[in-house]
Amino acid sequence: MRELCRVQDEFEVAYSRIVVLSVDPPEVQAAFRAGLGARFTFLSDHERRWLPKLGLCEGTDTLHHPYRPAGFTLFPDRRIHRAYNGYWYWGRPRMEELRADMREVTRAVRDDWELAA
């Protein structure tokens, strides 16, 4: 999460957004967000309504119903560009991968990406 805070300026300059979804209650998220110095949006699914719909339920622990951490880069219309498995450390996206994903998305949606000759 600290890495996302380090690149939030880059995302803002590029007219891109970072959004975090967790199962923490809003007041816990607010304290965490403030402690990090994050300016991006935190969404709460503390009632766990969206986890099954997003396919992020962890199936092995049926007592606590934890979620599978995941990361996504999206197109402006919210189609998934790339999905990352955050369950394992090496499955999480590195900042270089997020930058490359955002470059690919921007190139795909911007008619003026290439300068006219």
N, C-alpha and C. Protein backbone atom coordinates (compact mmCIF):
# COMPACT_ATOMS: atom_id res chain seq x y z
N MET A 1 0.82 -1.18 0.00
CA MET A 1 0.00 0.00 0.00
C MET A 1 0.87 1.26 0.00
N ARG A 2 2.00 1.17 0.69
CA ARG A 2 2.92 2.33 0.70
C ARG A 2 3.44 2.63 -0.70
N GLU A 3 3.66 1.56 -1.48
CA GLU A 3 4.12 1.77 -2.86
C GLU A 3 3.08 2.53 -3.67
N LEU A 4 1.79 2.21 -3.46
CA LEU A 4 0.74 2.94 -4.17
C LEU A 4 0.73 4.41 -3.76
N CYS A 5 1.01 4.68 -2.50
CA CYS A 5 1.08 6.07 -2.04
C CYS A 5 2.24 6.80 -2.70
N ARG A 6 3.32 6.09 -2.95
CA ARG A 6 4.48 6.71 -3.60
C ARG A 6 4.20 7.09 -5.05
N VAL A 7 3.29 6.36 -5.71
CA VAL A 7 3.02 6.65 -7.12
C VAL A 7 1.71 7.41 -7.34
N GLN A 8 1.03 7.79 -6.24
CA GLN A 8 -0.24 8.47 -6.42
C GLN A 8 -0.09 9.78 -7.19
N ASP A 9 1.02 10.49 -7.03
CA ASP A 9 1.25 11.72 -7.80
C ASP A 9 1.32 11.42 -9.30
N GLU A 10 2.01 10.34 -9.66
CA GLU A 10 2.12 9.96 -11.08
C GLU A 10 0.73 9.67 -11.66
N PHE A 11 -0.08 8.93 -10.92
CA PHE A 11 -1.42 8.59 -11.40
C PHE A 11 -2.27 9.86 -11.58
N GLU A 12 -2.15 10.79 -10.65
CA GLU A 12 -2.93 12.02 -10.76
C GLU A 12 -2.50 12.84 -11.97
N VAL A 13 -1.20 12.94 -12.21
CA VAL A 13 -0.70 13.68 -13.37
C VAL A 13 -1.20 13.05 -14.66
N ALA A 14 -1.34 11.73 -14.67
CA ALA A 14 -1.76 11.00 -15.87
C ALA A 14 -3.28 10.84 -15.96
N TYR A 15 -4.01 11.57 -15.11
CA TYR A 15 -5.49 11.48 -15.10
C TYR A 15 -5.96 10.04 -14.92
N SER A 16 -5.29 9.31 -14.04
CA SER A 16 -5.64 7.93 -13.73
C SER A 16 -6.05 7.86 -12.26
N ARG A 17 -6.67 6.78 -11.90
CA ARG A 17 -7.16 6.63 -10.53
C ARG A 17 -6.65 5.34 -9.90
N ILE A 18 -6.44 5.41 -8.60
CA ILE A 18 -6.16 4.24 -7.77
C ILE A 18 -7.36 4.08 -6.85
N VAL A 19 -7.88 2.86 -6.75
CA VAL A 19 -8.99 2.58 -5.85
C VAL A 19 -8.66 1.30 -5.09
N VAL A 20 -8.92 1.31 -3.81
CA VAL A 20 -8.69 0.15 -2.95
C VAL A 20 -10.03 -0.32 -2.42
N LEU A 21 -10.26 -1.62 -2.47
CA LEU A 21 -11.45 -2.23 -1.91
C LEU A 21 -11.02 -3.21 -0.84
N SER A 22 -11.59 -3.08 0.35
CA SER A 22 -11.25 -4.03 1.42
C SER A 22 -12.51 -4.37 2.21
N VAL A 23 -12.38 -5.33 3.11
CA VAL A 23 -13.50 -5.74 3.96
C VAL A 23 -13.46 -5.04 5.32
N ASP A 24 -12.57 -4.08 5.47
CA ASP A 24 -12.51 -3.32 6.72
C ASP A 24 -13.67 -2.33 6.79
N PRO A 25 -14.17 -2.06 8.00
CA PRO A 25 -15.21 -1.05 8.14
C PRO A 25 -14.67 0.34 7.75
N PRO A 26 -15.54 1.24 7.31
CA PRO A 26 -15.09 2.56 6.85
C PRO A 26 -14.22 3.32 7.86
N GLU A 27 -14.54 3.22 9.15
CA GLU A 27 -13.75 3.97 10.14
C GLU A 27 -12.33 3.41 10.25
N VAL A 28 -12.16 2.11 10.10
CA VAL A 28 -10.82 1.51 10.11
C VAL A 28 -10.07 1.93 8.85
N GLN A 29 -10.76 1.90 7.72
CA GLN A 29 -10.15 2.34 6.47
C GLN A 29 -9.71 3.80 6.54
N ALA A 30 -10.55 4.64 7.11
CA ALA A 30 -10.22 6.07 7.20
C ALA A 30 -8.94 6.29 8.01
N ALA A 31 -8.82 5.58 9.11
CA ALA A 31 -7.61 5.71 9.94
C ALA A 31 -6.39 5.19 9.19
N PHE A 32 -6.53 4.06 8.51
CA PHE A 32 -5.43 3.48 7.73
C PHE A 32 -5.02 4.42 6.61
N ARG A 33 -6.00 4.95 5.90
CA ARG A 33 -5.76 5.88 4.78
C ARG A 33 -5.03 7.13 5.28
N ALA A 34 -5.49 7.68 6.38
CA ALA A 34 -4.85 8.87 6.95
C ALA A 34 -3.41 8.57 7.37
N GLY A 35 -3.22 7.42 8.00
CA GLY A 35 -1.88 7.04 8.43
C GLY A 35 -0.91 6.88 7.27
N LEU A 36 -1.42 6.42 6.14
CA LEU A 36 -0.58 6.26 4.95
C LEU A 36 -0.34 7.57 4.21
N GLY A 37 -1.27 8.50 4.39
CA GLY A 37 -1.21 9.73 3.59
C GLY A 37 -1.76 9.51 2.20
N ALA A 38 -2.67 8.56 2.05
CA ALA A 38 -3.24 8.23 0.75
C ALA A 38 -4.34 9.23 0.40
N ARG A 39 -4.34 9.68 -0.85
CA ARG A 39 -5.39 10.58 -1.34
C ARG A 39 -6.39 9.83 -2.21
N PHE A 40 -6.10 8.58 -2.54
CA PHE A 40 -6.98 7.83 -3.43
C PHE A 40 -8.13 7.21 -2.65
N THR A 41 -9.10 6.72 -3.39
CA THR A 41 -10.36 6.22 -2.84
C THR A 41 -10.20 4.85 -2.19
N PHE A 42 -10.81 4.71 -1.02
CA PHE A 42 -10.91 3.42 -0.34
C PHE A 42 -12.39 3.06 -0.29
N LEU A 43 -12.74 1.89 -0.79
CA LEU A 43 -14.11 1.40 -0.75
C LEU A 43 -14.20 0.26 0.26
N SER A 44 -15.28 0.23 1.01
CA SER A 44 -15.45 -0.78 2.04
C SER A 44 -16.54 -1.78 1.65
N ASP A 45 -16.20 -3.05 1.76
CA ASP A 45 -17.18 -4.12 1.60
C ASP A 45 -17.23 -4.89 2.93
N HIS A 46 -17.39 -4.13 4.02
CA HIS A 46 -17.36 -4.77 5.34
C HIS A 46 -18.51 -5.75 5.53
N GLU A 47 -19.58 -5.62 4.75
CA GLU A 47 -20.67 -6.60 4.82
C GLU A 47 -20.42 -7.79 3.89
N ARG A 48 -19.32 -7.71 3.14
CA ARG A 48 -18.89 -8.78 2.24
C ARG A 48 -19.95 -9.16 1.21
N ARG A 49 -20.61 -8.15 0.68
CA ARG A 49 -21.62 -8.38 -0.36
C ARG A 49 -21.00 -8.58 -1.73
N TRP A 50 -19.89 -7.89 -1.99
CA TRP A 50 -19.31 -7.91 -3.34
C TRP A 50 -18.26 -8.98 -3.54
N LEU A 51 -17.70 -9.51 -2.47
CA LEU A 51 -16.64 -10.53 -2.62
C LEU A 51 -17.07 -11.71 -3.47
N PRO A 52 -18.23 -12.31 -3.23
CA PRO A 52 -18.64 -13.44 -4.08
C PRO A 52 -18.88 -13.02 -5.53
N LYS A 53 -19.47 -11.83 -5.71
CA LYS A 53 -19.75 -11.36 -7.07
C LYS A 53 -18.48 -11.09 -7.85
N LEU A 54 -17.42 -10.70 -7.14
CA LEU A 54 -16.14 -10.45 -7.78
C LEU A 54 -15.27 -11.71 -7.87
N GLY A 55 -15.75 -12.80 -7.30
CA GLY A 55 -14.99 -14.04 -7.33
C GLY A 55 -13.76 -14.01 -6.45
N LEU A 56 -13.79 -13.25 -5.36
CA LEU A 56 -12.63 -13.09 -4.51
C LEU A 56 -12.74 -13.81 -3.17
N CYS A 57 -13.70 -14.71 -3.03
CA CYS A 57 -13.81 -15.48 -1.78
C CYS A 57 -12.71 -16.53 -1.75
N GLU A 58 -12.07 -16.64 -0.60
CA GLU A 58 -11.05 -17.65 -0.39
C GLU A 58 -11.76 -18.91 0.06
N GLY A 59 -11.61 -20.00 -0.64
CA GLY A 59 -12.41 -21.18 -0.40
C GLY A 59 -11.95 -22.11 0.70
N THR A 60 -10.75 -21.98 1.22
CA THR A 60 -10.25 -22.97 2.17
C THR A 60 -10.64 -22.67 3.61
N ASP A 61 -10.91 -21.42 3.94
CA ASP A 61 -11.28 -21.05 5.32
C ASP A 61 -12.76 -20.71 5.35
N THR A 62 -13.58 -21.68 5.71
CA THR A 62 -15.02 -21.47 5.71
C THR A 62 -15.52 -20.86 7.03
N LEU A 63 -14.65 -20.70 8.00
CA LEU A 63 -15.03 -20.11 9.28
C LEU A 63 -14.97 -18.58 9.23
N HIS A 64 -13.86 -18.04 8.73
CA HIS A 64 -13.66 -16.58 8.73
C HIS A 64 -14.02 -15.91 7.41
N HIS A 65 -14.17 -16.70 6.37
CA HIS A 65 -14.53 -16.19 5.04
C HIS A 65 -13.60 -15.06 4.57
N PRO A 66 -12.30 -15.29 4.55
CA PRO A 66 -11.40 -14.24 4.08
C PRO A 66 -11.51 -14.07 2.55
N TYR A 67 -11.01 -12.97 2.08
CA TYR A 67 -11.00 -12.72 0.64
C TYR A 67 -9.64 -13.05 0.06
N ARG A 68 -9.62 -13.29 -1.24
CA ARG A 68 -8.36 -13.48 -1.95
C ARG A 68 -7.91 -12.11 -2.42
N PRO A 69 -6.76 -11.62 -1.96
CA PRO A 69 -6.30 -10.32 -2.43
C PRO A 69 -6.01 -10.38 -3.93
N ALA A 70 -6.36 -9.34 -4.61
CA ALA A 70 -6.16 -9.29 -6.06
C ALA A 70 -5.91 -7.85 -6.47
N GLY A 71 -5.30 -7.69 -7.61
CA GLY A 71 -5.09 -6.37 -8.19
C GLY A 71 -5.53 -6.39 -9.63
N PHE A 72 -6.07 -5.28 -10.09
CA PHE A 72 -6.56 -5.18 -11.46
C PHE A 72 -6.15 -3.84 -12.04
N THR A 73 -5.85 -3.83 -13.31
CA THR A 73 -5.79 -2.57 -14.05
C THR A 73 -6.97 -2.59 -14.99
N LEU A 74 -7.64 -1.46 -15.08
CA LEU A 74 -8.88 -1.37 -15.83
C LEU A 74 -8.82 -0.31 -16.91
N PHE A 75 -9.61 -0.53 -17.96
CA PHE A 75 -9.84 0.50 -18.96
C PHE A 75 -10.83 1.52 -18.38
N PRO A 76 -10.95 2.70 -18.98
CA PRO A 76 -11.91 3.68 -18.45
C PRO A 76 -13.34 3.17 -18.35
N ASP A 77 -13.73 2.23 -19.21
CA ASP A 77 -15.10 1.69 -19.13
C ASP A 77 -15.20 0.54 -18.12
N ARG A 78 -14.16 0.35 -17.33
CA ARG A 78 -14.05 -0.64 -16.25
C ARG A 78 -13.87 -2.08 -16.72
N ARG A 79 -13.56 -2.28 -17.99
CA ARG A 79 -13.16 -3.62 -18.45
C ARG A 79 -11.79 -3.92 -17.86
N ILE A 80 -11.58 -5.17 -17.51
CA ILE A 80 -10.28 -5.55 -16.94
C ILE A 80 -9.24 -5.62 -18.05
N HIS A 81 -8.14 -4.91 -17.84
CA HIS A 81 -6.99 -4.99 -18.74
C HIS A 81 -6.09 -6.14 -18.31
N ARG A 82 -5.77 -6.20 -17.03
CA ARG A 82 -4.93 -7.27 -16.50
C ARG A 82 -5.31 -7.53 -15.05
N ALA A 83 -5.26 -8.79 -14.65
CA ALA A 83 -5.56 -9.18 -13.27
C ALA A 83 -4.31 -9.78 -12.64
N TYR A 84 -4.11 -9.48 -11.37
CA TYR A 84 -2.96 -9.99 -10.63
C TYR A 84 -3.45 -10.76 -9.42
N ASN A 85 -2.81 -11.87 -9.13
CA ASN A 85 -3.11 -12.69 -7.97
C ASN A 85 -2.28 -12.15 -6.80
N GLY A 86 -2.93 -11.46 -5.89
CA GLY A 86 -2.22 -10.91 -4.74
C GLY A 86 -2.09 -11.88 -3.59
N TYR A 87 -2.60 -13.10 -3.78
CA TYR A 87 -2.56 -14.09 -2.71
C TYR A 87 -1.13 -14.48 -2.37
N TRP A 88 -0.31 -14.58 -3.36
CA TRP A 88 1.10 -14.91 -3.16
C TRP A 88 1.92 -13.68 -3.45
N TYR A 89 2.95 -13.45 -2.68
CA TYR A 89 3.76 -12.24 -2.80
C TYR A 89 4.21 -11.98 -4.22
N TRP A 90 4.72 -13.00 -4.91
CA TRP A 90 5.25 -12.80 -6.25
C TRP A 90 4.16 -12.60 -7.29
N GLY A 91 2.91 -12.83 -6.93
CA GLY A 91 1.81 -12.59 -7.85
C GLY A 91 1.33 -11.16 -7.86
N ARG A 92 1.78 -10.38 -6.89
CA ARG A 92 1.36 -8.99 -6.80
C ARG A 92 2.08 -8.16 -7.87
N PRO A 93 1.40 -7.16 -8.43
CA PRO A 93 2.06 -6.36 -9.46
C PRO A 93 3.13 -5.45 -8.86
N ARG A 94 4.23 -5.35 -9.57
CA ARG A 94 5.26 -4.38 -9.19
C ARG A 94 4.87 -3.04 -9.79
N MET A 95 5.45 -1.99 -9.29
CA MET A 95 5.12 -0.66 -9.80
C MET A 95 5.46 -0.54 -11.29
N GLU A 96 6.54 -1.19 -11.72
CA GLU A 96 6.91 -1.15 -13.13
C GLU A 96 5.82 -1.80 -14.00
N GLU A 97 5.22 -2.88 -13.48
CA GLU A 97 4.14 -3.54 -14.21
C GLU A 97 2.90 -2.66 -14.27
N LEU A 98 2.58 -1.99 -13.16
CA LEU A 98 1.43 -1.10 -13.17
C LEU A 98 1.64 0.07 -14.14
N ARG A 99 2.85 0.61 -14.14
CA ARG A 99 3.15 1.69 -15.09
C ARG A 99 3.02 1.20 -16.54
N ALA A 100 3.53 0.02 -16.82
CA ALA A 100 3.43 -0.54 -18.18
C ALA A 100 1.97 -0.79 -18.54
N ASP A 101 1.18 -1.31 -17.61
CA ASP A 101 -0.25 -1.53 -17.87
C ASP A 101 -0.94 -0.21 -18.17
N MET A 102 -0.66 0.80 -17.38
CA MET A 102 -1.31 2.09 -17.59
C MET A 102 -0.88 2.71 -18.92
N ARG A 103 0.36 2.49 -19.32
CA ARG A 103 0.82 2.96 -20.63
C ARG A 103 0.05 2.26 -21.74
N GLU A 104 -0.14 0.94 -21.61
CA GLU A 104 -0.89 0.18 -22.62
C GLU A 104 -2.35 0.64 -22.69
N VAL A 105 -2.96 0.85 -21.54
CA VAL A 105 -4.36 1.30 -21.51
C VAL A 105 -4.47 2.68 -22.15
N THR A 106 -3.58 3.58 -21.77
CA THR A 106 -3.63 4.94 -22.32
C THR A 106 -3.42 4.92 -23.82
N ARG A 107 -2.45 4.13 -24.28
CA ARG A 107 -2.20 4.03 -25.73
C ARG A 107 -3.45 3.52 -26.45
N ALA A 108 -4.17 2.59 -25.83
CA ALA A 108 -5.36 2.01 -26.47
C ALA A 108 -6.54 2.98 -26.53
N VAL A 109 -6.64 3.89 -25.57
CA VAL A 109 -7.82 4.76 -25.52
C VAL A 109 -7.58 6.17 -26.02
N ARG A 110 -6.33 6.55 -26.23
CA ARG A 110 -6.03 7.92 -26.65
C ARG A 110 -5.75 7.97 -28.16
N ASP A 111 -6.61 8.65 -28.88
CA ASP A 111 -6.39 8.82 -30.32
C ASP A 111 -5.15 9.65 -30.61
N ASP A 112 -4.78 10.50 -29.69
CA ASP A 112 -3.63 11.39 -29.89
C ASP A 112 -2.34 10.86 -29.27
N TRP A 113 -2.28 9.55 -29.00
CA TRP A 113 -1.08 8.97 -28.38
C TRP A 113 0.14 9.21 -29.26
N GLU A 114 0.01 8.91 -30.55
CA GLU A 114 1.11 9.14 -31.51
C GLU A 114 0.96 10.54 -32.09
N LEU A 115 2.03 11.27 -32.09
CA LEU A 115 2.00 12.62 -32.68
C LEU A 115 1.92 12.52 -34.19
N ALA A 116 1.12 13.38 -34.76
CA ALA A 116 1.00 13.42 -36.21
C ALA A 116 2.31 13.91 -36.83
N ALA A 117 2.67 13.33 -37.97
CA ALA A 117 3.93 13.72 -38.62
C ALA A 117 3.79 14.97 -39.42
